[in-house]
């Protein structure tokens, strides 16, 4: 599908990020060894980060048992726990984009994709409860520190939720959609700030005055690198029109 653009096109580093095992009626998305290795490393770092978050929570709980309670250090520990909880969640979600779970295993699929939110509840909910029931804190201290802990719980929880979780089935569906429109080619285009990938590099949606560079790669690379999960409707219609002409 030849297309020309005056914009700079940067090809994403080579190396298939996945493969599809295909029996005629049952194709499945299979990440390659490189993607699995990257995902494994990211998950290790995510777990380490979550351990730090829970460690800071434990420190805050210990601090609550002392009279008087040092609220400054308590706030510092809560903020530190929040930072590491969010970092862990982002690393975990990136790992899931490299090596997604299957929707067929519903329990594993839910836990793997929403583990960041689960960890956030574990890290902050007990602390929130202990703050508001603590006898060593005055009402004013409870209001201040409790509000900070609740905000931390909400931020960490939202950061940990994957509202558009990747799955092997979604990946395969997206790849097959592009391949069906491009005569079997799994190559798309996207921009740094784009929210959709494109079949044509000269699509007017990515050829604007604000576009300096267009990236080219596979459907899975668009998702792994930028979490772009949707095909441009204009490109899709253009490809369908061209097929009708043929």
C-alpha atoms as a PDB file:
ATOM      1  CA  UNK A   1       0.000   0.000   0.000  1.00  0.00           C
ATOM      2  CA  UNK A   2       2.216   2.770  -1.313  1.00  0.00           C
ATOM      3  CA  UNK A   3       1.875   6.116   0.352  1.00  0.00           C
ATOM      4  CA  UNK A   4       4.076   9.189   0.386  1.00  0.00           C
ATOM      5  CA  UNK A   5       4.639  11.854   2.982  1.00  0.00           C
ATOM      6  CA  UNK A   6       7.071  14.737   3.337  1.00  0.00           C
ATOM      7  CA  UNK A   7       7.426  14.061   7.057  1.00  0.00           C
ATOM      8  CA  UNK A   8      10.389  12.239   8.536  1.00  0.00           C
ATOM      9  CA  UNK A   9       9.574   8.547   9.017  1.00  0.00           C
ATOM     10  CA  UNK A  10      11.449   6.669  11.730  1.00  0.00           C
ATOM     11  CA  UNK A  11      11.335   2.897  11.644  1.00  0.00           C
ATOM     12  CA  UNK A  12      11.023   1.397  15.106  1.00  0.00           C
ATOM     13  CA  UNK A  13      13.917  -0.890  15.956  1.00  0.00           C
ATOM     14  CA  UNK A  14      13.616  -4.213  14.209  1.00  0.00           C
ATOM     15  CA  UNK A  15      12.902  -7.453  15.946  1.00  0.00           C
ATOM     16  CA  UNK A  16       9.472  -8.984  15.900  1.00  0.00           C
ATOM     17  CA  UNK A  17       7.778  -8.303  19.168  1.00  0.00           C
ATOM     18  CA  UNK A  18       5.479 -11.241  18.719  1.00  0.00           C
ATOM     19  CA  UNK A  19       4.360 -14.034  16.532  1.00  0.00           C
ATOM     20  CA  UNK A  20       1.089 -15.705  15.720  1.00  0.00           C
ATOM     21  CA  UNK A  21       0.714 -19.407  15.946  1.00  0.00           C
ATOM     22  CA  UNK A  22      -1.812 -20.298  13.333  1.00  0.00           C
ATOM     23  CA  UNK A  23      -3.813 -23.313  12.938  1.00  0.00           C
ATOM     24  CA  UNK A  24      -6.535 -22.588  10.415  1.00  0.00           C
ATOM     25  CA  UNK A  25      -9.302 -22.055  12.929  1.00  0.00           C
ATOM     26  CA  UNK A  26      -7.389 -21.199  16.060  1.00  0.00           C
ATOM     27  CA  UNK A  27      -4.715 -18.562  15.862  1.00  0.00           C
ATOM     28  CA  UNK A  28      -3.119 -17.277  19.027  1.00  0.00           C
ATOM     29  CA  UNK A  29      -0.841 -14.361  19.822  1.00  0.00           C
ATOM     30  CA  UNK A  30       2.545 -15.500  21.125  1.00  0.00           C
ATOM     31  CA  UNK A  31       5.120 -12.947  22.361  1.00  0.00           C
ATOM     32  CA  UNK A  32       8.643 -13.743  21.258  1.00  0.00           C
ATOM     33  CA  UNK A  33      11.498 -14.513  23.630  1.00  0.00           C
ATOM     34  CA  UNK A  34      12.754 -10.922  23.655  1.00  0.00           C
ATOM     35  CA  UNK A  35       9.360  -9.548  24.681  1.00  0.00           C
ATOM     36  CA  UNK A  36       8.989 -12.170  27.383  1.00  0.00           C
ATOM     37  CA  UNK A  37      12.437 -11.362  28.760  1.00  0.00           C
ATOM     38  CA  UNK A  38      11.708  -7.626  28.835  1.00  0.00           C
ATOM     39  CA  UNK A  39       8.362  -8.252  30.520  1.00  0.00           C
ATOM     40  CA  UNK A  40       9.983 -10.481  33.120  1.00  0.00           C
ATOM     41  CA  UNK A  41      12.576  -7.830  33.999  1.00  0.00           C
ATOM     42  CA  UNK A  42       9.931  -5.113  34.225  1.00  0.00           C
ATOM     43  CA  UNK A  43       7.825  -7.268  36.541  1.00  0.00           C
ATOM     44  CA  UNK A  44      10.813  -7.900  38.791  1.00  0.00           C
ATOM     45  CA  UNK A  45      11.444  -4.155  39.096  1.00  0.00           C
ATOM     46  CA  UNK A  46       7.724  -3.556  39.650  1.00  0.00           C
ATOM     47  CA  UNK A  47       7.627  -6.084  42.495  1.00  0.00           C
ATOM     48  CA  UNK A  48      10.729  -4.527  44.076  1.00  0.00           C
ATOM     49  CA  UNK A  49       9.080  -1.110  43.860  1.00  0.00           C
ATOM     50  CA  UNK A  50       5.892  -2.447  45.473  1.00  0.00           C
ATOM     51  CA  UNK A  51       7.941  -4.042  48.253  1.00  0.00           C
ATOM     52  CA  UNK A  52       9.427  -0.620  48.984  1.00  0.00           C
ATOM     53  CA  UNK A  53       5.921   0.885  48.987  1.00  0.00           C
ATOM     54  CA  UNK A  54       4.639  -1.678  51.469  1.00  0.00           C
ATOM     55  CA  UNK A  55       7.833  -1.224  53.508  1.00  0.00           C
ATOM     56  CA  UNK A  56       7.168   2.502  53.822  1.00  0.00           C
ATOM     57  CA  UNK A  57       3.592   1.682  54.800  1.00  0.00           C
ATOM     58  CA  UNK A  58       4.898  -0.628  57.522  1.00  0.00           C
ATOM     59  CA  UNK A  59       7.183   2.148  58.727  1.00  0.00           C
ATOM     60  CA  UNK A  60       4.228   4.526  58.896  1.00  0.00           C
ATOM     61  CA  UNK A  61       2.206   1.981  60.887  1.00  0.00           C
ATOM     62  CA  UNK A  62       5.082   1.559  63.343  1.00  0.00           C
ATOM     63  CA  UNK A  63       5.300   5.341  63.672  1.00  0.00           C
ATOM     64  CA  UNK A  64       1.590   5.482  64.528  1.00  0.00           C
ATOM     65  CA  UNK A  65       2.278   3.320  67.582  1.00  0.00           C
ATOM     66  CA  UNK A  66       4.560   5.926  69.127  1.00  0.00           C
ATOM     67  CA  UNK A  67       3.307   8.718  71.342  1.00  0.00           C
ATOM     68  CA  UNK A  68       3.606  11.490  70.319  1.00  0.00           C
ATOM     69  CA  UNK A  69       3.343  10.701  66.607  1.00  0.00           C
ATOM     70  CA  UNK A  70       5.764  12.598  64.364  1.00  0.00           C
ATOM     71  CA  UNK A  71       3.309  13.727  61.691  1.00  0.00           C
ATOM     72  CA  UNK A  72       6.046  15.156  59.451  1.00  0.00           C
ATOM     73  CA  UNK A  73       7.775  11.799  59.136  1.00  0.00           C
ATOM     74  CA  UNK A  74       4.401  10.107  58.797  1.00  0.00           C
ATOM     75  CA  UNK A  75       3.576  12.275  55.774  1.00  0.00           C
ATOM     76  CA  UNK A  76       7.032  11.649  54.290  1.00  0.00           C
ATOM     77  CA  UNK A  77       6.510   7.874  54.554  1.00  0.00           C
ATOM     78  CA  UNK A  78       3.050   8.110  52.963  1.00  0.00           C
ATOM     79  CA  UNK A  79       4.388  10.138  50.026  1.00  0.00           C
ATOM     80  CA  UNK A  80       7.322   7.733  49.586  1.00  0.00           C
ATOM     81  CA  UNK A  81       4.921   4.766  49.581  1.00  0.00           C
ATOM     82  CA  UNK A  82       2.801   6.539  46.954  1.00  0.00           C
ATOM     83  CA  UNK A  83       5.768   7.204  44.665  1.00  0.00           C
ATOM     84  CA  UNK A  84       6.962   3.605  44.726  1.00  0.00           C
ATOM     85  CA  UNK A  85       3.419   2.239  44.353  1.00  0.00           C
ATOM     86  CA  UNK A  86       2.846   4.316  41.209  1.00  0.00           C
ATOM     87  CA  UNK A  87       6.251   3.422  39.744  1.00  0.00           C
ATOM     88  CA  UNK A  88       5.543  -0.260  40.325  1.00  0.00           C
ATOM     89  CA  UNK A  89       2.130  -0.012  38.651  1.00  0.00           C
ATOM     90  CA  UNK A  90       3.515   1.718  35.561  1.00  0.00           C
ATOM     91  CA  UNK A  91       6.274  -0.864  35.170  1.00  0.00           C
ATOM     92  CA  UNK A  92       3.776  -3.700  35.613  1.00  0.00           C
ATOM     93  CA  UNK A  93       1.395  -2.302  32.994  1.00  0.00           C
ATOM     94  CA  UNK A  94       4.257  -1.889  30.535  1.00  0.00           C
ATOM     95  CA  UNK A  95       5.198  -5.534  31.133  1.00  0.00           C
ATOM     96  CA  UNK A  96       1.609  -6.568  30.429  1.00  0.00           C
ATOM     97  CA  UNK A  97       1.726  -4.810  27.066  1.00  0.00           C
ATOM     98  CA  UNK A  98       4.815  -6.830  26.175  1.00  0.00           C
ATOM     99  CA  UNK A  99       3.419 -10.150  27.371  1.00  0.00           C
ATOM    100  CA  UNK A 100      -0.369  -9.965  27.754  1.00  0.00           C
ATOM    101  CA  UNK A 101      -2.600 -12.486  29.467  1.00  0.00           C
ATOM    102  CA  UNK A 102      -5.398 -14.400  27.779  1.00  0.00           C
ATOM    103  CA  UNK A 103      -9.025 -13.468  28.371  1.00  0.00           C
ATOM    104  CA  UNK A 104      -9.828 -17.172  28.428  1.00  0.00           C
ATOM    105  CA  UNK A 105      -8.272 -17.385  31.905  1.00  0.00           C
ATOM    106  CA  UNK A 106     -10.556 -14.798  33.489  1.00  0.00           C
ATOM    107  CA  UNK A 107      -9.162 -14.848  37.041  1.00  0.00           C
ATOM    108  CA  UNK A 108      -5.536 -14.654  35.928  1.00  0.00           C
ATOM    109  CA  UNK A 109      -6.452 -12.009  33.349  1.00  0.00           C
ATOM    110  CA  UNK A 110      -8.092  -9.789  35.988  1.00  0.00           C
ATOM    111  CA  UNK A 111      -5.350 -10.198  38.589  1.00  0.00           C
ATOM    112  CA  UNK A 112      -2.498  -9.676  36.124  1.00  0.00           C
ATOM    113  CA  UNK A 113      -4.000  -6.508  34.664  1.00  0.00           C
ATOM    114  CA  UNK A 114      -5.299  -4.966  37.890  1.00  0.00           C
ATOM    115  CA  UNK A 115      -2.530  -6.053  40.260  1.00  0.00           C
ATOM    116  CA  UNK A 116      -1.342  -2.455  40.637  1.00  0.00           C
ATOM    117  CA  UNK A 117      -4.714  -1.413  42.055  1.00  0.00           C
ATOM    118  CA  UNK A 118      -4.782  -4.452  44.345  1.00  0.00           C
ATOM    119  CA  UNK A 119      -1.312  -3.657  45.697  1.00  0.00           C
ATOM    120  CA  UNK A 120      -2.327  -0.033  46.227  1.00  0.00           C
ATOM    121  CA  UNK A 121      -5.254  -1.083  48.402  1.00  0.00           C
ATOM    122  CA  UNK A 122      -2.964  -3.375  50.386  1.00  0.00           C
ATOM    123  CA  UNK A 123      -0.424  -0.574  50.790  1.00  0.00           C
ATOM    124  CA  UNK A 124      -2.773   2.223  51.846  1.00  0.00           C
ATOM    125  CA  UNK A 125      -6.160   1.007  53.114  1.00  0.00           C
ATOM    126  CA  UNK A 126      -4.877  -0.490  56.410  1.00  0.00           C
ATOM    127  CA  UNK A 127      -2.873   2.696  56.981  1.00  0.00           C
ATOM    128  CA  UNK A 128      -5.936   4.901  56.393  1.00  0.00           C
ATOM    129  CA  UNK A 129      -7.978   2.841  58.848  1.00  0.00           C
ATOM    130  CA  UNK A 130      -5.231   2.948  61.492  1.00  0.00           C
ATOM    131  CA  UNK A 131      -4.806   6.708  61.128  1.00  0.00           C
ATOM    132  CA  UNK A 132      -8.486   7.444  61.764  1.00  0.00           C
ATOM    133  CA  UNK A 133      -8.681   4.998  64.678  1.00  0.00           C
ATOM    134  CA  UNK A 134      -5.366   5.993  66.255  1.00  0.00           C
ATOM    135  CA  UNK A 135      -5.581   7.342  69.817  1.00  0.00           C
ATOM    136  CA  UNK A 136      -2.196   9.051  69.682  1.00  0.00           C
ATOM    137  CA  UNK A 137      -3.328  11.534  67.031  1.00  0.00           C
ATOM    138  CA  UNK A 138      -5.390  14.616  67.724  1.00  0.00           C
ATOM    139  CA  UNK A 139      -8.450  15.403  65.640  1.00  0.00           C
ATOM    140  CA  UNK A 140      -6.501  18.000  63.658  1.00  0.00           C
ATOM    141  CA  UNK A 141      -3.670  15.547  62.982  1.00  0.00           C
ATOM    142  CA  UNK A 142      -6.116  12.869  61.881  1.00  0.00           C
ATOM    143  CA  UNK A 143      -7.750  15.325  59.496  1.00  0.00           C
ATOM    144  CA  UNK A 144      -4.441  16.338  57.910  1.00  0.00           C
ATOM    145  CA  UNK A 145      -2.633  13.011  57.766  1.00  0.00           C
ATOM    146  CA  UNK A 146      -5.813  11.064  57.069  1.00  0.00           C
ATOM    147  CA  UNK A 147      -6.661  13.282  54.092  1.00  0.00           C
ATOM    148  CA  UNK A 148      -3.153  12.811  52.673  1.00  0.00           C
ATOM    149  CA  UNK A 149      -3.395   9.040  53.098  1.00  0.00           C
ATOM    150  CA  UNK A 150      -6.816   8.918  51.425  1.00  0.00           C
ATOM    151  CA  UNK A 151      -5.562  11.008  48.496  1.00  0.00           C
ATOM    152  CA  UNK A 152      -2.533   8.704  48.217  1.00  0.00           C
ATOM    153  CA  UNK A 153      -4.849   5.681  48.187  1.00  0.00           C
ATOM    154  CA  UNK A 154      -6.981   7.195  45.414  1.00  0.00           C
ATOM    155  CA  UNK A 155      -3.988   8.269  43.283  1.00  0.00           C
ATOM    156  CA  UNK A 156      -2.219   4.933  43.655  1.00  0.00           C
ATOM    157  CA  UNK A 157      -5.436   3.030  43.006  1.00  0.00           C
ATOM    158  CA  UNK A 158      -6.239   4.944  39.807  1.00  0.00           C
ATOM    159  CA  UNK A 159      -2.624   4.647  38.624  1.00  0.00           C
ATOM    160  CA  UNK A 160      -2.794   0.911  39.220  1.00  0.00           C
ATOM    161  CA  UNK A 161      -6.010   0.306  37.260  1.00  0.00           C
ATOM    162  CA  UNK A 162      -5.628  -0.637  33.616  1.00  0.00           C
ATOM    163  CA  UNK A 163      -8.751   0.786  31.979  1.00  0.00           C
ATOM    164  CA  UNK A 164      -7.867  -0.772  28.621  1.00  0.00           C
ATOM    165  CA  UNK A 165      -6.097  -4.005  29.571  1.00  0.00           C
ATOM    166  CA  UNK A 166      -4.149  -5.791  26.839  1.00  0.00           C
ATOM    167  CA  UNK A 167      -4.935  -9.385  26.007  1.00  0.00           C
ATOM    168  CA  UNK A 168      -3.674 -11.988  23.594  1.00  0.00           C
ATOM    169  CA  UNK A 169      -7.080 -11.975  21.919  1.00  0.00           C
ATOM    170  CA  UNK A 170      -7.120  -8.193  21.433  1.00  0.00           C
ATOM    171  CA  UNK A 171      -3.597  -8.206  20.028  1.00  0.00           C
ATOM    172  CA  UNK A 172      -4.480 -10.916  17.532  1.00  0.00           C
ATOM    173  CA  UNK A 173      -7.705  -9.163  16.534  1.00  0.00           C
ATOM    174  CA  UNK A 174      -5.886  -5.865  15.938  1.00  0.00           C
ATOM    175  CA  UNK A 175      -3.102  -7.534  13.931  1.00  0.00           C
ATOM    176  CA  UNK A 176      -5.576  -9.455  11.796  1.00  0.00           C
ATOM    177  CA  UNK A 177      -7.601  -6.297  11.143  1.00  0.00           C
ATOM    178  CA  UNK A 178      -4.549  -4.479   9.775  1.00  0.00           C
ATOM    179  CA  UNK A 179      -3.352  -7.507   7.794  1.00  0.00           C
ATOM    180  CA  UNK A 180      -6.771  -7.926   6.187  1.00  0.00           C
ATOM    181  CA  UNK A 181      -6.632  -4.322   4.959  1.00  0.00           C
ATOM    182  CA  UNK A 182      -3.007  -4.375   3.817  1.00  0.00           C
ATOM    183  CA  UNK A 183      -2.801  -7.728   2.041  1.00  0.00           C
ATOM    184  CA  UNK A 184      -1.005  -9.383   4.938  1.00  0.00           C
ATOM    185  CA  UNK A 185       1.364  -6.602   6.008  1.00  0.00           C
ATOM    186  CA  UNK A 186       1.603  -5.825   9.721  1.00  0.00           C
ATOM    187  CA  UNK A 187       2.970  -2.277   9.483  1.00  0.00           C
ATOM    188  CA  UNK A 188       1.369   0.891  10.798  1.00  0.00           C
ATOM    189  CA  UNK A 189       2.280   4.532  11.461  1.00  0.00           C
ATOM    190  CA  UNK A 190       1.855   6.752  14.503  1.00  0.00           C
ATOM    191  CA  UNK A 191       3.121   9.984  16.080  1.00  0.00           C
ATOM    192  CA  UNK A 192       4.486  10.868  19.511  1.00  0.00           C
ATOM    193  CA  UNK A 193       1.235  12.424  20.679  1.00  0.00           C
ATOM    194  CA  UNK A 194      -1.130  10.324  18.572  1.00  0.00           C
ATOM    195  CA  UNK A 195      -3.867   8.117  19.978  1.00  0.00           C
ATOM    196  CA  UNK A 196      -4.404   5.986  16.845  1.00  0.00           C
ATOM    197  CA  UNK A 197      -2.208   4.068  14.450  1.00  0.00           C
ATOM    198  CA  UNK A 198      -2.520   4.508  10.694  1.00  0.00           C
ATOM    199  CA  UNK A 199      -2.186   2.318   7.619  1.00  0.00           C
ATOM    200  CA  UNK A 200      -1.091   5.236   5.416  1.00  0.00           C
ATOM    201  CA  UNK A 201       1.881   7.452   6.219  1.00  0.00           C
ATOM    202  CA  UNK A 202       0.265  10.255   4.195  1.00  0.00           C
ATOM    203  CA  UNK A 203      -2.985  10.200   6.198  1.00  0.00           C
ATOM    204  CA  UNK A 204      -3.931  13.824   6.797  1.00  0.00           C
ATOM    205  CA  UNK A 205      -4.467  13.167  10.510  1.00  0.00           C
ATOM    206  CA  UNK A 206      -0.707  12.673  11.007  1.00  0.00           C
ATOM    207  CA  UNK A 207       0.468  15.094   8.330  1.00  0.00           C
ATOM    208  CA  UNK A 208      -0.198  18.339  10.151  1.00  0.00           C
ATOM    209  CA  UNK A 209       1.969  21.360  10.933  1.00  0.00           C
ATOM    210  CA  UNK A 210       2.469  19.966  14.428  1.00  0.00           C
ATOM    211  CA  UNK A 211       3.895  16.673  13.148  1.00  0.00           C
ATOM    212  CA  UNK A 212       7.688  16.551  12.891  1.00  0.00           C
ATOM    213  CA  UNK A 213       8.172  12.813  12.848  1.00  0.00           C
ATOM    214  CA  UNK A 214       6.122   9.739  12.011  1.00  0.00           C
ATOM    215  CA  UNK A 215       6.984   6.339  13.454  1.00  0.00           C
ATOM    216  CA  UNK A 216       6.606   3.072  11.553  1.00  0.00           C
ATOM    217  CA  UNK A 217       6.335  -0.342  13.145  1.00  0.00           C
ATOM    218  CA  UNK A 218       4.019  -3.231  13.875  1.00  0.00           C
ATOM    219  CA  UNK A 219       0.636  -3.064  15.553  1.00  0.00           C
ATOM    220  CA  UNK A 220       2.079  -4.594  18.718  1.00  0.00           C
ATOM    221  CA  UNK A 221       4.961  -2.093  18.769  1.00  0.00           C
ATOM    222  CA  UNK A 222       2.464   0.765  18.616  1.00  0.00           C
ATOM    223  CA  UNK A 223       0.765  -0.637  21.677  1.00  0.00           C
ATOM    224  CA  UNK A 224       3.915  -1.595  23.569  1.00  0.00           C
ATOM    225  CA  UNK A 225       5.656   1.744  23.016  1.00  0.00           C
ATOM    226  CA  UNK A 226       2.736   4.206  23.089  1.00  0.00           C
ATOM    227  CA  UNK A 227      -0.244   2.130  24.237  1.00  0.00           C
ATOM    228  CA  UNK A 228      -2.041   2.977  20.985  1.00  0.00           C
ATOM    229  CA  UNK A 229      -4.803   0.446  20.470  1.00  0.00           C
ATOM    230  CA  UNK A 230      -7.095   1.846  17.786  1.00  0.00           C
ATOM    231  CA  UNK A 231      -6.886   2.000  13.992  1.00  0.00           C
ATOM    232  CA  UNK A 232      -7.574   5.338  12.311  1.00  0.00           C
ATOM    233  CA  UNK A 233     -11.108   5.225  10.877  1.00  0.00           C
ATOM    234  CA  UNK A 234     -10.059   7.335   7.888  1.00  0.00           C
ATOM    235  CA  UNK A 235      -7.284   4.893   6.982  1.00  0.00           C
ATOM    236  CA  UNK A 236      -9.612   1.942   7.447  1.00  0.00           C
ATOM    237  CA  UNK A 237     -12.230   3.409   5.116  1.00  0.00           C
ATOM    238  CA  UNK A 238      -9.596   4.363   2.551  1.00  0.00           C
ATOM    239  CA  UNK A 239      -8.243   0.795   2.526  1.00  0.00           C
ATOM    240  CA  UNK A 240     -11.752  -0.632   2.142  1.00  0.00           C
ATOM    241  CA  UNK A 241     -12.479   1.771  -0.739  1.00  0.00           C
ATOM    242  CA  UNK A 242      -9.250   0.742  -2.489  1.00  0.00           C
ATOM    243  CA  UNK A 243     -10.172  -2.916  -2.140  1.00  0.00           C
ATOM    244  CA  UNK A 244     -13.594  -2.230  -3.687  1.00  0.00           C
ATOM    245  CA  UNK A 245     -11.917  -0.535  -6.670  1.00  0.00           C
ATOM    246  CA  UNK A 246      -9.664  -3.533  -7.157  1.00  0.00           C
END
